[in-house]
PDB file of N, CA and C in Angstrom:
ATOM      1  N   UNK A   1     -28.917  10.390  -6.013  1.00  0.00           N
ATOM      2  CA  UNK A   1     -28.299   9.327  -5.247  1.00  0.00           C
ATOM      3  C   UNK A   1     -29.002   8.020  -5.600  1.00  0.00           C
ATOM      4  N   UNK A   2     -28.246   7.002  -5.850  1.00  0.00           N
ATOM      5  CA  UNK A   2     -28.848   5.724  -6.203  1.00  0.00           C
ATOM      6  C   UNK A   2     -29.277   4.989  -4.938  1.00  0.00           C
ATOM      7  N   UNK A   3     -30.176   4.030  -5.113  1.00  0.00           N
ATOM      8  CA  UNK A   3     -30.690   3.268  -3.983  1.00  0.00           C
ATOM      9  C   UNK A   3     -29.557   2.533  -3.276  1.00  0.00           C
ATOM     10  N   UNK A   4     -29.545   2.601  -1.954  1.00  0.00           N
ATOM     11  CA  UNK A   4     -28.517   1.931  -1.178  1.00  0.00           C
ATOM     12  C   UNK A   4     -27.249   2.742  -0.999  1.00  0.00           C
ATOM     13  N   UNK A   5     -27.150   3.884  -1.676  1.00  0.00           N
ATOM     14  CA  UNK A   5     -25.970   4.733  -1.562  1.00  0.00           C
ATOM     15  C   UNK A   5     -26.130   5.647  -0.344  1.00  0.00           C
ATOM     16  N   UNK A   6     -25.095   5.736   0.446  1.00  0.00           N
ATOM     17  CA  UNK A   6     -25.146   6.589   1.638  1.00  0.00           C
ATOM     18  C   UNK A   6     -25.179   8.059   1.223  1.00  0.00           C
ATOM     19  N   UNK A   7     -25.907   8.877   1.966  1.00  0.00           N
ATOM     20  CA  UNK A   7     -25.921  10.308   1.646  1.00  0.00           C
ATOM     21  C   UNK A   7     -24.539  10.915   1.857  1.00  0.00           C
ATOM     22  N   UNK A   8     -24.268  11.989   1.155  1.00  0.00           N
ATOM     23  CA  UNK A   8     -22.991  12.685   1.276  1.00  0.00           C
ATOM     24  C   UNK A   8     -23.273  14.159   1.568  1.00  0.00           C
ATOM     25  N   UNK A   9     -22.360  14.786   2.266  1.00  0.00           N
ATOM     26  CA  UNK A   9     -22.468  16.196   2.573  1.00  0.00           C
ATOM     27  C   UNK A   9     -21.232  16.906   2.048  1.00  0.00           C
ATOM     28  N   UNK A  10     -21.313  18.235   1.967  1.00  0.00           N
ATOM     29  CA  UNK A  10     -20.221  19.040   1.438  1.00  0.00           C
ATOM     30  C   UNK A  10     -19.559  19.841   2.548  1.00  0.00           C
ATOM     31  N   UNK A  11     -18.239  19.858   2.529  1.00  0.00           N
ATOM     32  CA  UNK A  11     -17.470  20.625   3.508  1.00  0.00           C
ATOM     33  C   UNK A  11     -17.623  22.121   3.218  1.00  0.00           C
ATOM     34  N   UNK A  12     -18.026  22.901   4.218  1.00  0.00           N
ATOM     35  CA  UNK A  12     -18.163  24.342   4.016  1.00  0.00           C
ATOM     36  C   UNK A  12     -16.829  25.077   3.941  1.00  0.00           C
ATOM     37  N   UNK A  13     -15.746  24.374   4.195  1.00  0.00           N
ATOM     38  CA  UNK A  13     -14.419  24.989   4.133  1.00  0.00           C
ATOM     39  C   UNK A  13     -13.791  24.785   2.758  1.00  0.00           C
ATOM     40  N   UNK A  14     -13.672  23.530   2.325  1.00  0.00           N
ATOM     41  CA  UNK A  14     -12.953  23.246   1.076  1.00  0.00           C
ATOM     42  C   UNK A  14     -13.852  22.822  -0.082  1.00  0.00           C
ATOM     43  N   UNK A  15     -15.121  22.561   0.199  1.00  0.00           N
ATOM     44  CA  UNK A  15     -16.040  22.173  -0.861  1.00  0.00           C
ATOM     45  C   UNK A  15     -16.034  20.697  -1.194  1.00  0.00           C
ATOM     46  N   UNK A  16     -15.329  19.879  -0.428  1.00  0.00           N
ATOM     47  CA  UNK A  16     -15.326  18.439  -0.684  1.00  0.00           C
ATOM     48  C   UNK A  16     -16.745  17.910  -0.496  1.00  0.00           C
ATOM     49  N   UNK A  17     -17.268  17.267  -1.529  1.00  0.00           N
ATOM     50  CA  UNK A  17     -18.669  16.832  -1.532  1.00  0.00           C
ATOM     51  C   UNK A  17     -18.854  15.361  -1.171  1.00  0.00           C
ATOM     52  N   UNK A  18     -17.896  14.777  -0.447  1.00  0.00           N
ATOM     53  CA  UNK A  18     -17.995  13.369  -0.113  1.00  0.00           C
ATOM     54  C   UNK A  18     -18.016  13.075   1.377  1.00  0.00           C
ATOM     55  N   UNK A  19     -18.403  14.059   2.194  1.00  0.00           N
ATOM     56  CA  UNK A  19     -18.434  13.823   3.640  1.00  0.00           C
ATOM     57  C   UNK A  19     -19.452  12.745   3.984  1.00  0.00           C
ATOM     58  N   UNK A  20     -19.095  11.873   4.908  1.00  0.00           N
ATOM     59  CA  UNK A  20     -19.992  10.804   5.342  1.00  0.00           C
ATOM     60  C   UNK A  20     -20.936  11.265   6.438  1.00  0.00           C
ATOM     61  N   UNK A  21     -20.563  12.356   7.110  1.00  0.00           N
ATOM     62  CA  UNK A  21     -21.392  12.947   8.163  1.00  0.00           C
ATOM     63  C   UNK A  21     -21.529  14.437   7.873  1.00  0.00           C
ATOM     64  N   UNK A  22     -22.648  15.036   8.263  1.00  0.00           N
ATOM     65  CA  UNK A  22     -22.787  16.482   8.053  1.00  0.00           C
ATOM     66  C   UNK A  22     -21.911  17.251   9.046  1.00  0.00           C
ATOM     67  N   UNK A  23     -21.503  18.464   8.700  1.00  0.00           N
ATOM     68  CA  UNK A  23     -20.736  19.286   9.631  1.00  0.00           C
ATOM     69  C   UNK A  23     -21.549  19.650  10.887  1.00  0.00           C
ATOM     70  N   UNK A  24     -22.856  19.811  10.724  1.00  0.00           N
ATOM     71  CA  UNK A  24     -23.744  20.098  11.854  1.00  0.00           C
ATOM     72  C   UNK A  24     -24.922  19.135  11.807  1.00  0.00           C
ATOM     73  N   UNK A  25     -25.482  18.851  12.981  1.00  0.00           N
ATOM     74  CA  UNK A  25     -26.635  17.949  13.037  1.00  0.00           C
ATOM     75  C   UNK A  25     -27.931  18.730  12.790  1.00  0.00           C
ATOM     76  N   UNK A  26     -29.074  18.060  12.741  1.00  0.00           N
ATOM     77  CA  UNK A  26     -30.338  18.752  12.454  1.00  0.00           C
ATOM     78  C   UNK A  26     -30.688  19.868  13.439  1.00  0.00           C
ATOM     79  N   UNK A  27     -30.111  19.853  14.630  1.00  0.00           N
ATOM     80  CA  UNK A  27     -30.391  20.914  15.607  1.00  0.00           C
ATOM     81  C   UNK A  27     -29.458  22.107  15.439  1.00  0.00           C
ATOM     82  N   UNK A  28     -28.468  21.978  14.525  1.00  0.00           N
ATOM     83  CA  UNK A  28     -27.501  23.047  14.313  1.00  0.00           C
ATOM     84  C   UNK A  28     -26.240  22.905  15.149  1.00  0.00           C
ATOM     85  N   UNK A  29     -26.142  21.828  15.908  1.00  0.00           N
ATOM     86  CA  UNK A  29     -24.953  21.583  16.724  1.00  0.00           C
ATOM     87  C   UNK A  29     -23.874  20.911  15.885  1.00  0.00           C
ATOM     88  N   UNK A  30     -22.604  21.247  16.119  1.00  0.00           N
ATOM     89  CA  UNK A  30     -21.532  20.613  15.349  1.00  0.00           C
ATOM     90  C   UNK A  30     -21.450  19.123  15.652  1.00  0.00           C
ATOM     91  N   UNK A  31     -21.041  18.365  14.665  1.00  0.00           N
ATOM     92  CA  UNK A  31     -20.917  16.913  14.825  1.00  0.00           C
ATOM     93  C   UNK A  31     -19.510  16.505  15.268  1.00  0.00           C
ATOM     94  N   UNK A  32     -18.577  17.422  15.233  1.00  0.00           N
ATOM     95  CA  UNK A  32     -17.176  17.157  15.571  1.00  0.00           C
ATOM     96  C   UNK A  32     -16.537  16.151  14.625  1.00  0.00           C
ATOM     97  N   UNK A  33     -17.175  15.928  13.475  1.00  0.00           N
ATOM     98  CA  UNK A  33     -16.570  15.082  12.450  1.00  0.00           C
ATOM     99  C   UNK A  33     -15.464  15.886  11.765  1.00  0.00           C
ATOM    100  N   UNK A  34     -14.665  15.201  10.965  1.00  0.00           N
ATOM    101  CA  UNK A  34     -13.546  15.854  10.294  1.00  0.00           C
ATOM    102  C   UNK A  34     -13.634  15.655   8.786  1.00  0.00           C
ATOM    103  N   UNK A  35     -13.216  16.671   8.069  1.00  0.00           N
ATOM    104  CA  UNK A  35     -13.154  16.581   6.610  1.00  0.00           C
ATOM    105  C   UNK A  35     -11.855  15.878   6.232  1.00  0.00           C
ATOM    106  N   UNK A  36     -11.937  14.781   5.476  1.00  0.00           N
ATOM    107  CA  UNK A  36     -10.713  14.088   5.079  1.00  0.00           C
ATOM    108  C   UNK A  36      -9.892  14.884   4.071  1.00  0.00           C
ATOM    109  N   UNK A  37     -10.511  15.863   3.451  1.00  0.00           N
ATOM    110  CA  UNK A  37      -9.820  16.647   2.439  1.00  0.00           C
ATOM    111  C   UNK A  37      -8.969  17.754   3.053  1.00  0.00           C
ATOM    112  N   UNK A  38      -9.608  18.648   3.834  1.00  0.00           N
ATOM    113  CA  UNK A  38      -8.860  19.783   4.386  1.00  0.00           C
ATOM    114  C   UNK A  38      -8.488  19.612   5.853  1.00  0.00           C
ATOM    115  N   UNK A  39      -9.064  18.613   6.529  1.00  0.00           N
ATOM    116  CA  UNK A  39      -8.728  18.339   7.911  1.00  0.00           C
ATOM    117  C   UNK A  39      -9.490  19.156   8.939  1.00  0.00           C
ATOM    118  N   UNK A  40     -10.458  19.952   8.510  1.00  0.00           N
ATOM    119  CA  UNK A  40     -11.237  20.752   9.453  1.00  0.00           C
ATOM    120  C   UNK A  40     -12.074  19.853  10.348  1.00  0.00           C
ATOM    121  N   UNK A  41     -12.035  20.113  11.649  1.00  0.00           N
ATOM    122  CA  UNK A  41     -12.933  19.425  12.577  1.00  0.00           C
ATOM    123  C   UNK A  41     -14.026  20.424  12.935  1.00  0.00           C
ATOM    124  N   UNK A  42     -15.251  20.072  12.557  1.00  0.00           N
ATOM    125  CA  UNK A  42     -16.399  20.950  12.767  1.00  0.00           C
ATOM    126  C   UNK A  42     -16.734  21.020  14.251  1.00  0.00           C
ATOM    127  N   UNK A  43     -16.871  22.236  14.741  1.00  0.00           N
ATOM    128  CA  UNK A  43     -17.148  22.441  16.154  1.00  0.00           C
ATOM    129  C   UNK A  43     -15.886  22.692  16.956  1.00  0.00           C
ATOM    130  N   UNK A  44     -14.733  22.521  16.337  1.00  0.00           N
ATOM    131  CA  UNK A  44     -13.454  22.776  17.006  1.00  0.00           C
ATOM    132  C   UNK A  44     -12.672  23.820  16.203  1.00  0.00           C
ATOM    133  N   UNK A  45     -12.233  23.438  15.004  1.00  0.00           N
ATOM    134  CA  UNK A  45     -11.445  24.356  14.179  1.00  0.00           C
ATOM    135  C   UNK A  45     -12.240  25.586  13.766  1.00  0.00           C
ATOM    136  N   UNK A  46     -13.539  25.407  13.531  1.00  0.00           N
ATOM    137  CA  UNK A  46     -14.357  26.530  13.066  1.00  0.00           C
ATOM    138  C   UNK A  46     -15.084  27.238  14.208  1.00  0.00           C
ATOM    139  N   UNK A  47     -14.680  26.971  15.429  1.00  0.00           N
ATOM    140  CA  UNK A  47     -15.288  27.618  16.587  1.00  0.00           C
ATOM    141  C   UNK A  47     -14.894  29.089  16.661  1.00  0.00           C
ATOM    142  N   UNK A  48     -13.630  29.381  16.410  1.00  0.00           N
ATOM    143  CA  UNK A  48     -13.144  30.757  16.513  1.00  0.00           C
ATOM    144  C   UNK A  48     -12.708  31.351  15.179  1.00  0.00           C
ATOM    145  N   UNK A  49     -12.632  30.518  14.132  1.00  0.00           N
ATOM    146  CA  UNK A  49     -12.241  31.016  12.813  1.00  0.00           C
ATOM    147  C   UNK A  49     -13.358  30.725  11.827  1.00  0.00           C
ATOM    148  N   UNK A  50     -13.719  31.703  11.012  1.00  0.00           N
ATOM    149  CA  UNK A  50     -14.761  31.456   9.997  1.00  0.00           C
ATOM    150  C   UNK A  50     -14.250  30.507   8.911  1.00  0.00           C
ATOM    151  N   UNK A  51     -15.192  29.862   8.241  1.00  0.00           N
ATOM    152  CA  UNK A  51     -14.834  28.912   7.182  1.00  0.00           C
ATOM    153  C   UNK A  51     -13.954  29.548   6.118  1.00  0.00           C
ATOM    154  N   UNK A  52     -14.234  30.794   5.758  1.00  0.00           N
ATOM    155  CA  UNK A  52     -13.431  31.463   4.727  1.00  0.00           C
ATOM    156  C   UNK A  52     -11.972  31.592   5.161  1.00  0.00           C
ATOM    157  N   UNK A  53     -11.740  31.853   6.439  1.00  0.00           N
ATOM    158  CA  UNK A  53     -10.366  31.970   6.943  1.00  0.00           C
ATOM    159  C   UNK A  53      -9.671  30.609   6.946  1.00  0.00           C
ATOM    160  N   UNK A  54     -10.397  29.571   7.327  1.00  0.00           N
ATOM    161  CA  UNK A  54      -9.836  28.210   7.301  1.00  0.00           C
ATOM    162  C   UNK A  54      -9.526  27.805   5.862  1.00  0.00           C
ATOM    163  N   UNK A  55     -10.419  28.149   4.935  1.00  0.00           N
ATOM    164  CA  UNK A  55     -10.213  27.843   3.518  1.00  0.00           C
ATOM    165  C   UNK A  55      -8.960  28.523   3.008  1.00  0.00           C
ATOM    166  N   UNK A  56      -8.816  29.812   3.338  1.00  0.00           N
ATOM    167  CA  UNK A  56      -7.656  30.573   2.880  1.00  0.00           C
ATOM    168  C   UNK A  56      -6.364  29.933   3.392  1.00  0.00           C
ATOM    169  N   UNK A  57      -6.339  29.541   4.653  1.00  0.00           N
ATOM    170  CA  UNK A  57      -5.147  28.906   5.234  1.00  0.00           C
ATOM    171  C   UNK A  57      -4.845  27.590   4.529  1.00  0.00           C
ATOM    172  N   UNK A  58      -5.882  26.790   4.232  1.00  0.00           N
ATOM    173  CA  UNK A  58      -5.694  25.512   3.541  1.00  0.00           C
ATOM    174  C   UNK A  58      -5.104  25.748   2.153  1.00  0.00           C
ATOM    175  N   UNK A  59      -5.643  26.721   1.431  1.00  0.00           N
ATOM    176  CA  UNK A  59      -5.153  27.026   0.082  1.00  0.00           C
ATOM    177  C   UNK A  59      -3.718  27.546   0.141  1.00  0.00           C
ATOM    178  N   UNK A  60      -3.449  28.434   1.089  1.00  0.00           N
ATOM    179  CA  UNK A  60      -2.102  29.023   1.198  1.00  0.00           C
ATOM    180  C   UNK A  60      -1.032  28.007   1.571  1.00  0.00           C
ATOM    181  N   UNK A  61      -1.439  26.904   2.206  1.00  0.00           N
ATOM    182  CA  UNK A  61      -0.459  25.875   2.553  1.00  0.00           C
ATOM    183  C   UNK A  61      -0.403  24.763   1.501  1.00  0.00           C
ATOM    184  N   UNK A  62      -1.013  24.997   0.353  1.00  0.00           N
ATOM    185  CA  UNK A  62      -0.882  24.074  -0.768  1.00  0.00           C
ATOM    186  C   UNK A  62      -2.104  23.266  -1.119  1.00  0.00           C
ATOM    187  N   UNK A  63      -3.201  23.416  -0.360  1.00  0.00           N
ATOM    188  CA  UNK A  63      -4.461  22.714  -0.652  1.00  0.00           C
ATOM    189  C   UNK A  63      -4.227  21.227  -0.936  1.00  0.00           C
ATOM    190  N   UNK A  64      -3.502  20.586  -0.022  1.00  0.00           N
ATOM    191  CA  UNK A  64      -3.208  19.166  -0.166  1.00  0.00           C
ATOM    192  C   UNK A  64      -4.281  18.320   0.503  1.00  0.00           C
ATOM    193  N   UNK A  65      -4.452  17.099   0.033  1.00  0.00           N
ATOM    194  CA  UNK A  65      -5.378  16.159   0.667  1.00  0.00           C
ATOM    195  C   UNK A  65      -4.838  15.868   2.056  1.00  0.00           C
ATOM    196  N   UNK A  66      -5.690  15.969   3.067  1.00  0.00           N
ATOM    197  CA  UNK A  66      -5.249  15.887   4.454  1.00  0.00           C
ATOM    198  C   UNK A  66      -5.154  14.459   4.999  1.00  0.00           C
ATOM    199  N   UNK A  67      -6.168  13.637   4.786  1.00  0.00           N
ATOM    200  CA  UNK A  67      -6.245  12.329   5.433  1.00  0.00           C
ATOM    201  C   UNK A  67      -5.185  11.358   4.920  1.00  0.00           C
ATOM    202  N   UNK A  68      -4.555  10.684   5.873  1.00  0.00           N
ATOM    203  CA  UNK A  68      -3.618   9.629   5.527  1.00  0.00           C
ATOM    204  C   UNK A  68      -4.320   8.273   5.507  1.00  0.00           C
ATOM    205  N   UNK A  69      -5.519   8.202   6.078  1.00  0.00           N
ATOM    206  CA  UNK A  69      -6.275   6.947   6.151  1.00  0.00           C
ATOM    207  C   UNK A  69      -7.291   6.800   5.028  1.00  0.00           C
ATOM    208  N   UNK A  70      -7.810   7.903   4.542  1.00  0.00           N
ATOM    209  CA  UNK A  70      -8.793   7.891   3.456  1.00  0.00           C
ATOM    210  C   UNK A  70      -8.163   8.560   2.245  1.00  0.00           C
ATOM    211  N   UNK A  71      -7.844   7.801   1.212  1.00  0.00           N
ATOM    212  CA  UNK A  71      -7.173   8.397   0.055  1.00  0.00           C
ATOM    213  C   UNK A  71      -8.093   9.340  -0.712  1.00  0.00           C
ATOM    214  N   UNK A  72      -7.478  10.279  -1.389  1.00  0.00           N
ATOM    215  CA  UNK A  72      -8.230  11.209  -2.234  1.00  0.00           C
ATOM    216  C   UNK A  72      -8.926  10.429  -3.348  1.00  0.00           C
ATOM    217  N   UNK A  73     -10.105  10.888  -3.758  1.00  0.00           N
ATOM    218  CA  UNK A  73     -10.774  10.225  -4.881  1.00  0.00           C
ATOM    219  C   UNK A  73      -9.887  10.269  -6.128  1.00  0.00           C
ATOM    220  N   UNK A  74     -10.040   9.279  -6.964  1.00  0.00           N
ATOM    221  CA  UNK A  74      -9.252   9.223  -8.194  1.00  0.00           C
ATOM    222  C   UNK A  74      -9.486  10.496  -9.004  1.00  0.00           C
ATOM    223  N   UNK A  75      -8.405  11.110  -9.437  1.00  0.00           N
ATOM    224  CA  UNK A  75      -8.494  12.319 -10.242  1.00  0.00           C
ATOM    225  C   UNK A  75      -8.803  13.575  -9.439  1.00  0.00           C
ATOM    226  N   UNK A  76      -8.724  13.493  -8.109  1.00  0.00           N
ATOM    227  CA  UNK A  76      -9.041  14.633  -7.257  1.00  0.00           C
ATOM    228  C   UNK A  76      -8.178  15.831  -7.605  1.00  0.00           C
ATOM    229  N   UNK A  77      -8.810  17.005  -7.672  1.00  0.00           N
ATOM    230  CA  UNK A  77      -8.128  18.250  -8.000  1.00  0.00           C
ATOM    231  C   UNK A  77      -8.695  19.345  -7.102  1.00  0.00           C
ATOM    232  N   UNK A  78      -7.871  19.901  -6.229  1.00  0.00           N
ATOM    233  CA  UNK A  78      -8.331  20.915  -5.272  1.00  0.00           C
ATOM    234  C   UNK A  78      -8.924  22.129  -5.968  1.00  0.00           C
ATOM    235  N   UNK A  79      -8.309  22.602  -7.040  1.00  0.00           N
ATOM    236  CA  UNK A  79      -8.819  23.788  -7.726  1.00  0.00           C
ATOM    237  C   UNK A  79     -10.188  23.541  -8.341  1.00  0.00           C
ATOM    238  N   UNK A  80     -10.364  22.389  -8.958  1.00  0.00           N
ATOM    239  CA  UNK A  80     -11.674  22.063  -9.541  1.00  0.00           C
ATOM    240  C   UNK A  80     -12.726  21.932  -8.443  1.00  0.00           C
ATOM    241  N   UNK A  81     -12.346  21.348  -7.323  1.00  0.00           N
ATOM    242  CA  UNK A  81     -13.268  21.193  -6.201  1.00  0.00           C
ATOM    243  C   UNK A  81     -13.709  22.562  -5.675  1.00  0.00           C
ATOM    244  N   UNK A  82     -12.749  23.460  -5.488  1.00  0.00           N
ATOM    245  CA  UNK A  82     -13.063  24.806  -5.003  1.00  0.00           C
ATOM    246  C   UNK A  82     -13.970  25.544  -5.985  1.00  0.00           C
ATOM    247  N   UNK A  83     -13.684  25.424  -7.270  1.00  0.00           N
ATOM    248  CA  UNK A  83     -14.511  26.075  -8.283  1.00  0.00           C
ATOM    249  C   UNK A  83     -15.923  25.503  -8.299  1.00  0.00           C
ATOM    250  N   UNK A  84     -16.041  24.185  -8.231  1.00  0.00           N
ATOM    251  CA  UNK A  84     -17.365  23.538  -8.242  1.00  0.00           C
ATOM    252  C   UNK A  84     -18.200  23.959  -7.035  1.00  0.00           C
ATOM    253  N   UNK A  85     -17.529  24.254  -5.920  1.00  0.00           N
ATOM    254  CA  UNK A  85     -18.231  24.646  -4.703  1.00  0.00           C
ATOM    255  C   UNK A  85     -18.510  26.156  -4.673  1.00  0.00           C
ATOM    256  N   UNK A  86     -18.043  26.869  -5.692  1.00  0.00           N
ATOM    257  CA  UNK A  86     -18.261  28.314  -5.735  1.00  0.00           C
ATOM    258  C   UNK A  86     -17.240  29.101  -4.940  1.00  0.00           C
ATOM    259  N   UNK A  87     -16.097  28.473  -4.642  1.00  0.00           N
ATOM    260  CA  UNK A  87     -15.078  29.129  -3.837  1.00  0.00           C
ATOM    261  C   UNK A  87     -13.906  29.656  -4.658  1.00  0.00           C
ATOM    262  N   UNK A  88     -14.011  29.686  -5.972  1.00  0.00           N
ATOM    263  CA  UNK A  88     -12.904  30.107  -6.818  1.00  0.00           C
ATOM    264  C   UNK A  88     -12.491  31.545  -6.523  1.00  0.00           C
ATOM    265  N   UNK A  89     -13.450  32.372  -6.107  1.00  0.00           N
ATOM    266  CA  UNK A  89     -13.137  33.774  -5.819  1.00  0.00           C
ATOM    267  C   UNK A  89     -13.014  34.011  -4.316  1.00  0.00           C
ATOM    268  N   UNK A  90     -12.772  32.949  -3.565  1.00  0.00           N
ATOM    269  CA  UNK A  90     -12.691  33.066  -2.118  1.00  0.00           C
ATOM    270  C   UNK A  90     -13.960  32.580  -1.450  1.00  0.00           C
ATOM    271  N   UNK A  91     -14.993  32.408  -2.243  1.00  0.00           N
ATOM    272  CA  UNK A  91     -16.234  31.831  -1.760  1.00  0.00           C
ATOM    273  C   UNK A  91     -17.025  32.691  -0.818  1.00  0.00           C
ATOM    274  N   UNK A  92     -18.144  32.165  -0.383  1.00  0.00           N
ATOM    275  CA  UNK A  92     -19.007  32.904   0.533  1.00  0.00           C
ATOM    276  C   UNK A  92     -18.272  33.192   1.842  1.00  0.00           C
ATOM    277  N   UNK A  93     -18.558  34.305   2.404  1.00  0.00           N
ATOM    278  CA  UNK A  93     -17.945  34.676   3.689  1.00  0.00           C
ATOM    279  C   UNK A  93     -18.856  34.216   4.811  1.00  0.00           C
ATOM    280  N   UNK A  94     -18.287  33.544   5.776  1.00  0.00           N
ATOM    281  CA  UNK A  94     -19.070  33.146   6.962  1.00  0.00           C
ATOM    282  C   UNK A  94     -18.177  33.076   8.156  1.00  0.00           C
TER     283      UNK A  94
END
């Protein structure tokens, strides 16, 4: 990370590596922030469904960019993102 650049976190559901807030805070509590890519709200959507199940649902519905306010990064590709995050085979189960 270059000087002055804000830290980024990765979504445990879709692998988007540009989150502005972490899914959980340092105490392990959810931040209730949302992923602009898959639309998961941490602490709400993942309360009763594991990340792998949310990921599967996102992929099955077309793995489209979710946010209408924050555009997808230039050249964004859901399949490449999933592969880079290690989710190409369904990813880690949690």
